[in-house]
Amino acid sequence: MGIVYKLGQGEMLDAIEELWVKLNRHHHDNSPYFKHEYEIFTFAIRKKMLVDKLIEGSIHIDLAVDDNSGQSVAYCVSTVNDDKSGEIESLYVEAAYRRMGIGSELMKRALAWMDEQGAKERTLMVAVGNEAAFGFYSRYGFFPRFTMLKQTEPVSG
């Protein structure tokens, strides 16, 4: 089984939709507090957020495709804004294709692109419930810096 990597920018956003929906479902299923937010968070909303980031910088998309089936099996979206802050926006690998080095290749490509763009810092966010990803990201020098808390619903005092 061979993997082919396709590179693009904003024009490739629609190509990641099916995989992004699976990532959003994963976050929903593993979220202990905010399932309702993942239920209403559509790809159209996420796509608009990423397109809006293009106004202030650049976007980079790597799509991994199974050479035999032609099926998209993984992707990584990264951005660099005008202040030269880079962010891994989203990364997903289909379950059947995990532990094959695809995620690592996507990270290497995204970080190399950020270097080319002159990114001074690099960040990413991991949703609560997906802490198992910390080990993967730590291999690339990403570690938790702080924890942001969000109120699930107003509490009368």
N, C-alpha and C. Protein backbone atom coordinates (compact mmCIF):
# COMPACT_ATOMS: atom_id res chain seq x y z
N MET A 1 0.85 -1.17 0.00
CA MET A 1 0.00 0.00 0.00
C MET A 1 0.89 1.23 0.00
N GLY A 2 0.69 2.11 -0.99
CA GLY A 2 1.45 3.34 -1.06
C GLY A 2 0.59 4.53 -0.70
N ILE A 3 1.21 5.53 -0.14
CA ILE A 3 0.53 6.77 0.20
C ILE A 3 1.12 7.89 -0.65
N VAL A 4 0.26 8.65 -1.27
CA VAL A 4 0.65 9.81 -2.06
C VAL A 4 0.20 11.04 -1.29
N TYR A 5 1.06 12.05 -1.21
CA TYR A 5 0.73 13.28 -0.51
C TYR A 5 0.46 14.38 -1.52
N LYS A 6 -0.70 14.99 -1.36
CA LYS A 6 -1.08 16.11 -2.22
C LYS A 6 -1.01 17.38 -1.39
N LEU A 7 -0.51 18.41 -2.01
CA LEU A 7 -0.27 19.68 -1.34
C LEU A 7 -1.17 20.75 -1.93
N GLY A 8 -1.71 21.60 -1.07
CA GLY A 8 -2.53 22.69 -1.58
C GLY A 8 -2.72 23.78 -0.55
N GLN A 9 -3.61 24.69 -0.92
CA GLN A 9 -3.94 25.80 -0.03
C GLN A 9 -5.45 25.79 0.16
N GLY A 10 -6.07 26.94 0.20
CA GLY A 10 -7.50 27.04 0.44
C GLY A 10 -8.36 26.26 -0.54
N GLU A 11 -7.88 26.09 -1.76
CA GLU A 11 -8.68 25.38 -2.76
C GLU A 11 -8.87 23.91 -2.41
N MET A 12 -8.08 23.39 -1.47
CA MET A 12 -8.20 21.98 -1.09
C MET A 12 -9.08 21.76 0.13
N LEU A 13 -9.65 22.80 0.68
CA LEU A 13 -10.46 22.63 1.90
C LEU A 13 -11.60 21.63 1.71
N ASP A 14 -12.29 21.71 0.59
CA ASP A 14 -13.41 20.79 0.37
C ASP A 14 -12.95 19.33 0.34
N ALA A 15 -11.70 19.09 -0.04
CA ALA A 15 -11.18 17.72 -0.13
C ALA A 15 -11.02 17.06 1.24
N ILE A 16 -10.97 17.87 2.31
CA ILE A 16 -10.80 17.29 3.65
C ILE A 16 -12.11 17.13 4.40
N GLU A 17 -13.21 17.56 3.80
CA GLU A 17 -14.48 17.59 4.53
C GLU A 17 -14.85 16.25 5.16
N GLU A 18 -14.82 15.18 4.41
CA GLU A 18 -15.24 13.87 4.93
C GLU A 18 -14.39 13.45 6.12
N LEU A 19 -13.09 13.66 6.02
CA LEU A 19 -12.20 13.31 7.13
C LEU A 19 -12.41 14.24 8.32
N TRP A 20 -12.63 15.53 8.06
CA TRP A 20 -12.87 16.49 9.14
C TRP A 20 -14.13 16.10 9.92
N VAL A 21 -15.16 15.66 9.23
CA VAL A 21 -16.39 15.24 9.89
C VAL A 21 -16.09 14.07 10.85
N LYS A 22 -15.22 13.17 10.45
CA LYS A 22 -14.84 12.06 11.32
C LYS A 22 -14.07 12.56 12.54
N LEU A 23 -13.20 13.54 12.34
CA LEU A 23 -12.47 14.12 13.46
C LEU A 23 -13.43 14.80 14.43
N ASN A 24 -14.38 15.55 13.90
CA ASN A 24 -15.37 16.23 14.74
C ASN A 24 -16.20 15.20 15.53
N ARG A 25 -16.54 14.10 14.89
CA ARG A 25 -17.28 13.03 15.57
C ARG A 25 -16.43 12.42 16.69
N HIS A 26 -15.15 12.25 16.42
CA HIS A 26 -14.22 11.73 17.44
C HIS A 26 -14.20 12.66 18.65
N HIS A 27 -14.10 13.97 18.40
CA HIS A 27 -14.11 14.93 19.51
C HIS A 27 -15.44 14.89 20.26
N HIS A 28 -16.53 14.78 19.52
CA HIS A 28 -17.85 14.68 20.14
C HIS A 28 -17.92 13.46 21.06
N ASP A 29 -17.51 12.33 20.53
CA ASP A 29 -17.62 11.08 21.27
C ASP A 29 -16.72 11.06 22.52
N ASN A 30 -15.64 11.82 22.50
CA ASN A 30 -14.69 11.81 23.61
C ASN A 30 -14.79 13.03 24.51
N SER A 31 -15.66 13.94 24.20
CA SER A 31 -15.80 15.16 25.00
C SER A 31 -16.66 14.89 26.24
N PRO A 32 -16.09 15.13 27.42
CA PRO A 32 -16.90 14.92 28.62
C PRO A 32 -17.86 16.07 28.92
N TYR A 33 -17.66 17.23 28.30
CA TYR A 33 -18.44 18.42 28.67
C TYR A 33 -19.12 19.15 27.52
N PHE A 34 -18.61 19.06 26.32
CA PHE A 34 -19.07 19.95 25.25
C PHE A 34 -19.60 19.22 24.02
N LYS A 35 -20.23 18.08 24.21
CA LYS A 35 -20.77 17.32 23.09
C LYS A 35 -21.70 18.19 22.24
N HIS A 36 -22.50 19.02 22.88
CA HIS A 36 -23.45 19.87 22.16
C HIS A 36 -22.75 20.82 21.20
N GLU A 37 -21.57 21.29 21.56
CA GLU A 37 -20.84 22.19 20.65
C GLU A 37 -20.37 21.46 19.40
N TYR A 38 -19.91 20.22 19.56
CA TYR A 38 -19.49 19.45 18.39
C TYR A 38 -20.68 19.08 17.51
N GLU A 39 -21.85 18.93 18.11
CA GLU A 39 -23.04 18.60 17.34
C GLU A 39 -23.44 19.73 16.39
N ILE A 40 -23.20 20.97 16.79
CA ILE A 40 -23.59 22.11 15.95
C ILE A 40 -22.42 22.69 15.15
N PHE A 41 -21.22 22.17 15.38
CA PHE A 41 -20.03 22.66 14.68
C PHE A 41 -19.93 21.94 13.34
N THR A 42 -20.31 22.61 12.27
CA THR A 42 -20.33 22.01 10.94
C THR A 42 -19.05 22.29 10.18
N PHE A 43 -18.85 21.55 9.12
CA PHE A 43 -17.69 21.81 8.27
C PHE A 43 -17.79 23.19 7.64
N ALA A 44 -18.97 23.63 7.30
CA ALA A 44 -19.13 24.97 6.71
C ALA A 44 -18.62 26.04 7.67
N ILE A 45 -18.90 25.89 8.95
CA ILE A 45 -18.42 26.85 9.95
C ILE A 45 -16.90 26.79 10.02
N ARG A 46 -16.35 25.57 10.11
CA ARG A 46 -14.88 25.43 10.20
C ARG A 46 -14.20 25.94 8.96
N LYS A 47 -14.78 25.67 7.80
CA LYS A 47 -14.19 26.14 6.55
C LYS A 47 -14.14 27.66 6.53
N LYS A 48 -15.21 28.32 6.97
CA LYS A 48 -15.23 29.78 7.01
C LYS A 48 -14.14 30.31 7.94
N MET A 49 -13.96 29.66 9.08
CA MET A 49 -12.92 30.07 10.02
C MET A 49 -11.54 30.00 9.37
N LEU A 50 -11.29 28.94 8.61
CA LEU A 50 -10.00 28.79 7.96
C LEU A 50 -9.84 29.78 6.80
N VAL A 51 -10.89 29.99 6.04
CA VAL A 51 -10.83 30.97 4.95
C VAL A 51 -10.56 32.36 5.51
N ASP A 52 -11.19 32.68 6.65
CA ASP A 52 -10.95 33.98 7.29
C ASP A 52 -9.48 34.13 7.70
N LYS A 53 -8.83 33.04 8.06
CA LYS A 53 -7.42 33.10 8.42
C LYS A 53 -6.54 33.45 7.22
N LEU A 54 -7.01 33.14 6.03
CA LEU A 54 -6.26 33.49 4.83
C LEU A 54 -6.09 34.99 4.68
N ILE A 55 -7.02 35.76 5.22
CA ILE A 55 -6.95 37.22 5.14
C ILE A 55 -5.73 37.73 5.89
N GLU A 56 -5.36 37.03 6.96
CA GLU A 56 -4.26 37.46 7.82
C GLU A 56 -3.01 36.60 7.66
N GLY A 57 -2.95 35.79 6.64
CA GLY A 57 -1.77 34.95 6.50
C GLY A 57 -1.91 33.92 5.41
N SER A 58 -1.32 32.75 5.66
CA SER A 58 -1.27 31.68 4.67
C SER A 58 -1.80 30.39 5.27
N ILE A 59 -2.29 29.53 4.39
CA ILE A 59 -2.79 28.22 4.81
C ILE A 59 -2.08 27.15 3.97
N HIS A 60 -1.86 26.01 4.60
CA HIS A 60 -1.16 24.90 3.96
C HIS A 60 -1.94 23.63 4.26
N ILE A 61 -2.24 22.86 3.23
CA ILE A 61 -2.98 21.61 3.41
C ILE A 61 -2.20 20.48 2.77
N ASP A 62 -1.97 19.43 3.55
CA ASP A 62 -1.42 18.19 3.02
C ASP A 62 -2.50 17.14 3.15
N LEU A 63 -2.73 16.44 2.08
CA LEU A 63 -3.74 15.39 2.03
C LEU A 63 -3.04 14.08 1.67
N ALA A 64 -3.23 13.05 2.50
CA ALA A 64 -2.64 11.74 2.23
C ALA A 64 -3.69 10.87 1.55
N VAL A 65 -3.32 10.29 0.43
CA VAL A 65 -4.23 9.49 -0.38
C VAL A 65 -3.64 8.10 -0.56
N ASP A 66 -4.46 7.08 -0.33
CA ASP A 66 -4.06 5.71 -0.58
C ASP A 66 -3.92 5.53 -2.08
N ASP A 67 -2.72 5.22 -2.52
CA ASP A 67 -2.43 5.11 -3.95
C ASP A 67 -3.21 3.99 -4.62
N ASN A 68 -3.55 2.95 -3.88
CA ASN A 68 -4.28 1.82 -4.46
C ASN A 68 -5.76 2.12 -4.64
N SER A 69 -6.38 2.69 -3.62
CA SER A 69 -7.83 2.91 -3.67
C SER A 69 -8.21 4.32 -4.13
N GLY A 70 -7.27 5.25 -4.05
CA GLY A 70 -7.57 6.64 -4.37
C GLY A 70 -8.31 7.36 -3.25
N GLN A 71 -8.48 6.68 -2.12
CA GLN A 71 -9.22 7.23 -0.98
C GLN A 71 -8.33 8.16 -0.17
N SER A 72 -8.88 9.32 0.23
CA SER A 72 -8.19 10.22 1.14
C SER A 72 -8.22 9.58 2.52
N VAL A 73 -7.04 9.48 3.16
CA VAL A 73 -6.96 8.76 4.43
C VAL A 73 -6.45 9.61 5.58
N ALA A 74 -5.93 10.79 5.30
CA ALA A 74 -5.41 11.66 6.35
C ALA A 74 -5.20 13.06 5.79
N TYR A 75 -5.15 14.02 6.71
CA TYR A 75 -4.86 15.39 6.29
C TYR A 75 -4.26 16.17 7.44
N CYS A 76 -3.63 17.27 7.09
CA CYS A 76 -3.16 18.24 8.07
C CYS A 76 -3.35 19.63 7.48
N VAL A 77 -3.95 20.52 8.27
CA VAL A 77 -4.11 21.92 7.88
C VAL A 77 -3.27 22.75 8.84
N SER A 78 -2.44 23.60 8.30
CA SER A 78 -1.64 24.49 9.13
C SER A 78 -1.72 25.90 8.56
N THR A 79 -1.50 26.88 9.44
CA THR A 79 -1.56 28.28 9.03
C THR A 79 -0.37 29.03 9.63
N VAL A 80 -0.05 30.14 8.98
CA VAL A 80 0.91 31.11 9.52
C VAL A 80 0.29 32.47 9.29
N ASN A 81 0.15 33.26 10.36
CA ASN A 81 -0.46 34.58 10.21
C ASN A 81 0.60 35.64 9.92
N ASP A 82 0.15 36.88 9.74
CA ASP A 82 1.06 37.98 9.41
C ASP A 82 2.08 38.25 10.51
N ASP A 83 1.77 37.86 11.75
CA ASP A 83 2.71 38.03 12.86
C ASP A 83 3.71 36.88 12.94
N LYS A 84 3.64 35.98 11.97
CA LYS A 84 4.53 34.83 11.88
C LYS A 84 4.30 33.81 13.00
N SER A 85 3.04 33.71 13.44
CA SER A 85 2.65 32.67 14.37
C SER A 85 2.06 31.51 13.57
N GLY A 86 2.64 30.34 13.73
CA GLY A 86 2.15 29.16 13.02
C GLY A 86 1.26 28.33 13.92
N GLU A 87 0.29 27.67 13.30
CA GLU A 87 -0.61 26.80 14.06
C GLU A 87 -0.95 25.56 13.25
N ILE A 88 -0.84 24.42 13.90
CA ILE A 88 -1.39 23.19 13.33
C ILE A 88 -2.89 23.29 13.64
N GLU A 89 -3.68 23.52 12.64
CA GLU A 89 -5.11 23.75 12.82
C GLU A 89 -5.89 22.46 13.01
N SER A 90 -5.49 21.44 12.29
CA SER A 90 -6.26 20.20 12.30
C SER A 90 -5.42 19.10 11.68
N LEU A 91 -5.46 17.93 12.31
CA LEU A 91 -4.75 16.77 11.79
C LEU A 91 -5.60 15.55 12.10
N TYR A 92 -5.78 14.72 11.10
CA TYR A 92 -6.58 13.51 11.28
C TYR A 92 -6.03 12.40 10.39
N VAL A 93 -5.98 11.18 10.95
CA VAL A 93 -5.59 9.98 10.20
C VAL A 93 -6.66 8.93 10.44
N GLU A 94 -7.19 8.35 9.37
CA GLU A 94 -8.18 7.27 9.48
C GLU A 94 -7.62 6.16 10.36
N ALA A 95 -8.48 5.57 11.17
CA ALA A 95 -8.07 4.54 12.13
C ALA A 95 -7.26 3.42 11.48
N ALA A 96 -7.68 2.95 10.32
CA ALA A 96 -7.00 1.84 9.66
C ALA A 96 -5.61 2.20 9.16
N TYR A 97 -5.30 3.48 9.13
CA TYR A 97 -4.02 3.95 8.58
C TYR A 97 -3.09 4.51 9.67
N ARG A 98 -3.50 4.40 10.92
CA ARG A 98 -2.67 4.89 12.02
C ARG A 98 -1.50 3.95 12.26
N ARG A 99 -0.48 4.50 12.86
CA ARG A 99 0.75 3.77 13.20
C ARG A 99 1.50 3.30 11.95
N MET A 100 1.32 4.04 10.87
CA MET A 100 2.04 3.74 9.62
C MET A 100 2.99 4.88 9.24
N GLY A 101 3.09 5.88 10.12
CA GLY A 101 3.99 7.00 9.85
C GLY A 101 3.35 8.15 9.07
N ILE A 102 2.06 8.03 8.77
CA ILE A 102 1.39 9.07 7.98
C ILE A 102 1.25 10.36 8.78
N GLY A 103 0.84 10.25 10.03
CA GLY A 103 0.72 11.44 10.87
C GLY A 103 2.06 12.13 11.05
N SER A 104 3.11 11.33 11.22
CA SER A 104 4.47 11.90 11.35
C SER A 104 4.88 12.63 10.08
N GLU A 105 4.59 12.04 8.96
CA GLU A 105 4.93 12.69 7.68
C GLU A 105 4.16 14.00 7.53
N LEU A 106 2.88 13.99 7.91
CA LEU A 106 2.08 15.21 7.82
C LEU A 106 2.65 16.29 8.74
N MET A 107 3.05 15.93 9.95
CA MET A 107 3.64 16.90 10.87
C MET A 107 4.95 17.46 10.31
N LYS A 108 5.80 16.60 9.79
CA LYS A 108 7.08 17.06 9.23
C LYS A 108 6.84 18.03 8.08
N ARG A 109 5.88 17.74 7.24
CA ARG A 109 5.58 18.62 6.11
C ARG A 109 5.04 19.96 6.60
N ALA A 110 4.14 19.93 7.57
CA ALA A 110 3.56 21.17 8.10
C ALA A 110 4.63 22.02 8.77
N LEU A 111 5.49 21.42 9.57
CA LEU A 111 6.53 22.17 10.26
C LEU A 111 7.57 22.72 9.28
N ALA A 112 7.89 21.96 8.26
CA ALA A 112 8.82 22.45 7.23
C ALA A 112 8.22 23.65 6.50
N TRP A 113 6.92 23.58 6.20
CA TRP A 113 6.26 24.71 5.55
C TRP A 113 6.28 25.93 6.46
N MET A 114 6.02 25.73 7.76
CA MET A 114 6.07 26.86 8.70
C MET A 114 7.46 27.48 8.73
N ASP A 115 8.50 26.64 8.66
CA ASP A 115 9.88 27.15 8.59
C ASP A 115 10.06 28.02 7.35
N GLU A 116 9.56 27.53 6.21
CA GLU A 116 9.66 28.30 4.96
C GLU A 116 8.95 29.64 5.06
N GLN A 117 7.87 29.69 5.84
CA GLN A 117 7.09 30.92 6.01
C GLN A 117 7.69 31.84 7.07
N GLY A 118 8.74 31.39 7.73
CA GLY A 118 9.38 32.19 8.76
C GLY A 118 8.63 32.23 10.08
N ALA A 119 7.87 31.19 10.39
CA ALA A 119 7.11 31.16 11.64
C ALA A 119 8.05 31.25 12.83
N LYS A 120 7.72 32.17 13.73
CA LYS A 120 8.55 32.38 14.93
C LYS A 120 8.10 31.49 16.08
N GLU A 121 6.84 31.12 16.10
CA GLU A 121 6.32 30.20 17.10
C GLU A 121 5.31 29.29 16.43
N ARG A 122 5.09 28.13 17.05
CA ARG A 122 4.15 27.15 16.52
C ARG A 122 3.29 26.65 17.68
N THR A 123 1.99 26.57 17.42
CA THR A 123 1.07 26.10 18.45
C THR A 123 0.08 25.11 17.83
N LEU A 124 -0.60 24.42 18.71
CA LEU A 124 -1.74 23.59 18.32
C LEU A 124 -2.60 23.41 19.55
N MET A 125 -3.86 23.08 19.33
CA MET A 125 -4.77 22.83 20.43
C MET A 125 -5.22 21.37 20.37
N VAL A 126 -5.33 20.78 21.55
CA VAL A 126 -5.84 19.42 21.68
C VAL A 126 -7.10 19.49 22.52
N ALA A 127 -8.18 18.97 22.01
CA ALA A 127 -9.46 19.00 22.72
C ALA A 127 -9.42 18.09 23.94
N VAL A 128 -10.09 18.54 25.01
CA VAL A 128 -10.22 17.69 26.19
C VAL A 128 -10.93 16.41 25.76
N GLY A 129 -10.39 15.30 26.21
CA GLY A 129 -10.90 13.99 25.80
C GLY A 129 -9.98 13.35 24.78
N ASN A 130 -9.05 14.14 24.24
CA ASN A 130 -8.13 13.63 23.23
C ASN A 130 -6.68 13.72 23.73
N GLU A 131 -6.50 13.65 25.05
CA GLU A 131 -5.18 13.78 25.65
C GLU A 131 -4.21 12.70 25.19
N ALA A 132 -4.72 11.61 24.67
CA ALA A 132 -3.84 10.55 24.15
C ALA A 132 -2.95 11.08 23.03
N ALA A 133 -3.35 12.17 22.39
CA ALA A 133 -2.55 12.76 21.31
C ALA A 133 -1.30 13.48 21.83
N PHE A 134 -1.24 13.77 23.14
CA PHE A 134 -0.09 14.49 23.70
C PHE A 134 1.22 13.78 23.39
N GLY A 135 1.24 12.47 23.51
CA GLY A 135 2.47 11.72 23.24
C GLY A 135 2.96 11.91 21.82
N PHE A 136 2.03 11.87 20.88
CA PHE A 136 2.39 12.08 19.47
C PHE A 136 2.99 13.47 19.28
N TYR A 137 2.30 14.49 19.78
CA TYR A 137 2.76 15.86 19.56
C TYR A 137 4.04 16.18 20.32
N SER A 138 4.27 15.52 21.44
CA SER A 138 5.50 15.78 22.19
C SER A 138 6.74 15.38 21.39
N ARG A 139 6.61 14.44 20.48
CA ARG A 139 7.74 14.05 19.62
C ARG A 139 8.21 15.19 18.74
N TYR A 140 7.36 16.20 18.58
CA TYR A 140 7.69 17.35 17.74
C TYR A 140 7.88 18.62 18.58
N GLY A 141 8.05 18.43 19.90
CA GLY A 141 8.33 19.55 20.78
C GLY A 141 7.12 20.33 21.26
N PHE A 142 5.93 19.78 21.12
CA PHE A 142 4.71 20.44 21.58
C PHE A 142 4.32 19.87 22.95
N PHE A 143 4.13 20.77 23.91
CA PHE A 143 3.75 20.37 25.26
C PHE A 143 2.67 21.31 25.78
N PRO A 144 1.84 20.83 26.72
CA PRO A 144 0.79 21.70 27.28
C PRO A 144 1.43 22.92 27.95
N ARG A 145 0.88 24.10 27.63
CA ARG A 145 1.38 25.33 28.23
C ARG A 145 0.43 25.84 29.30
N PHE A 146 -0.86 25.77 29.04
CA PHE A 146 -1.86 26.17 30.01
C PHE A 146 -3.16 25.45 29.70
N THR A 147 -4.07 25.51 30.64
CA THR A 147 -5.38 24.91 30.45
C THR A 147 -6.42 26.02 30.51
N MET A 148 -7.22 26.12 29.47
CA MET A 148 -8.30 27.11 29.44
C MET A 148 -9.58 26.41 29.87
N LEU A 149 -10.30 27.03 30.79
CA LEU A 149 -11.57 26.48 31.23
C LEU A 149 -12.69 27.30 30.60
N LYS A 150 -13.76 26.62 30.21
CA LYS A 150 -14.91 27.27 29.60
C LYS A 150 -16.15 26.80 30.33
N GLN A 151 -16.99 27.75 30.73
CA GLN A 151 -18.21 27.41 31.44
C GLN A 151 -19.18 26.75 30.47
N THR A 152 -19.77 25.64 30.91
CA THR A 152 -20.68 24.91 30.03
C THR A 152 -22.04 25.57 29.97
N GLU A 153 -22.47 26.17 31.07
CA GLU A 153 -23.74 26.90 31.09
C GLU A 153 -23.70 27.88 32.27
N PRO A 154 -24.36 28.99 32.15
CA PRO A 154 -24.34 29.98 33.25
C PRO A 154 -24.90 29.38 34.54
N VAL A 155 -24.26 29.71 35.63
CA VAL A 155 -24.68 29.26 36.95
C VAL A 155 -25.14 30.49 37.73
N SER A 156 -26.36 30.46 38.21
CA SER A 156 -26.83 31.61 38.97
C SER A 156 -26.19 31.58 40.35
N GLY A 157 -25.79 32.77 40.79
CA GLY A 157 -24.99 32.83 41.97
C GLY A 157 -25.66 33.21 43.21
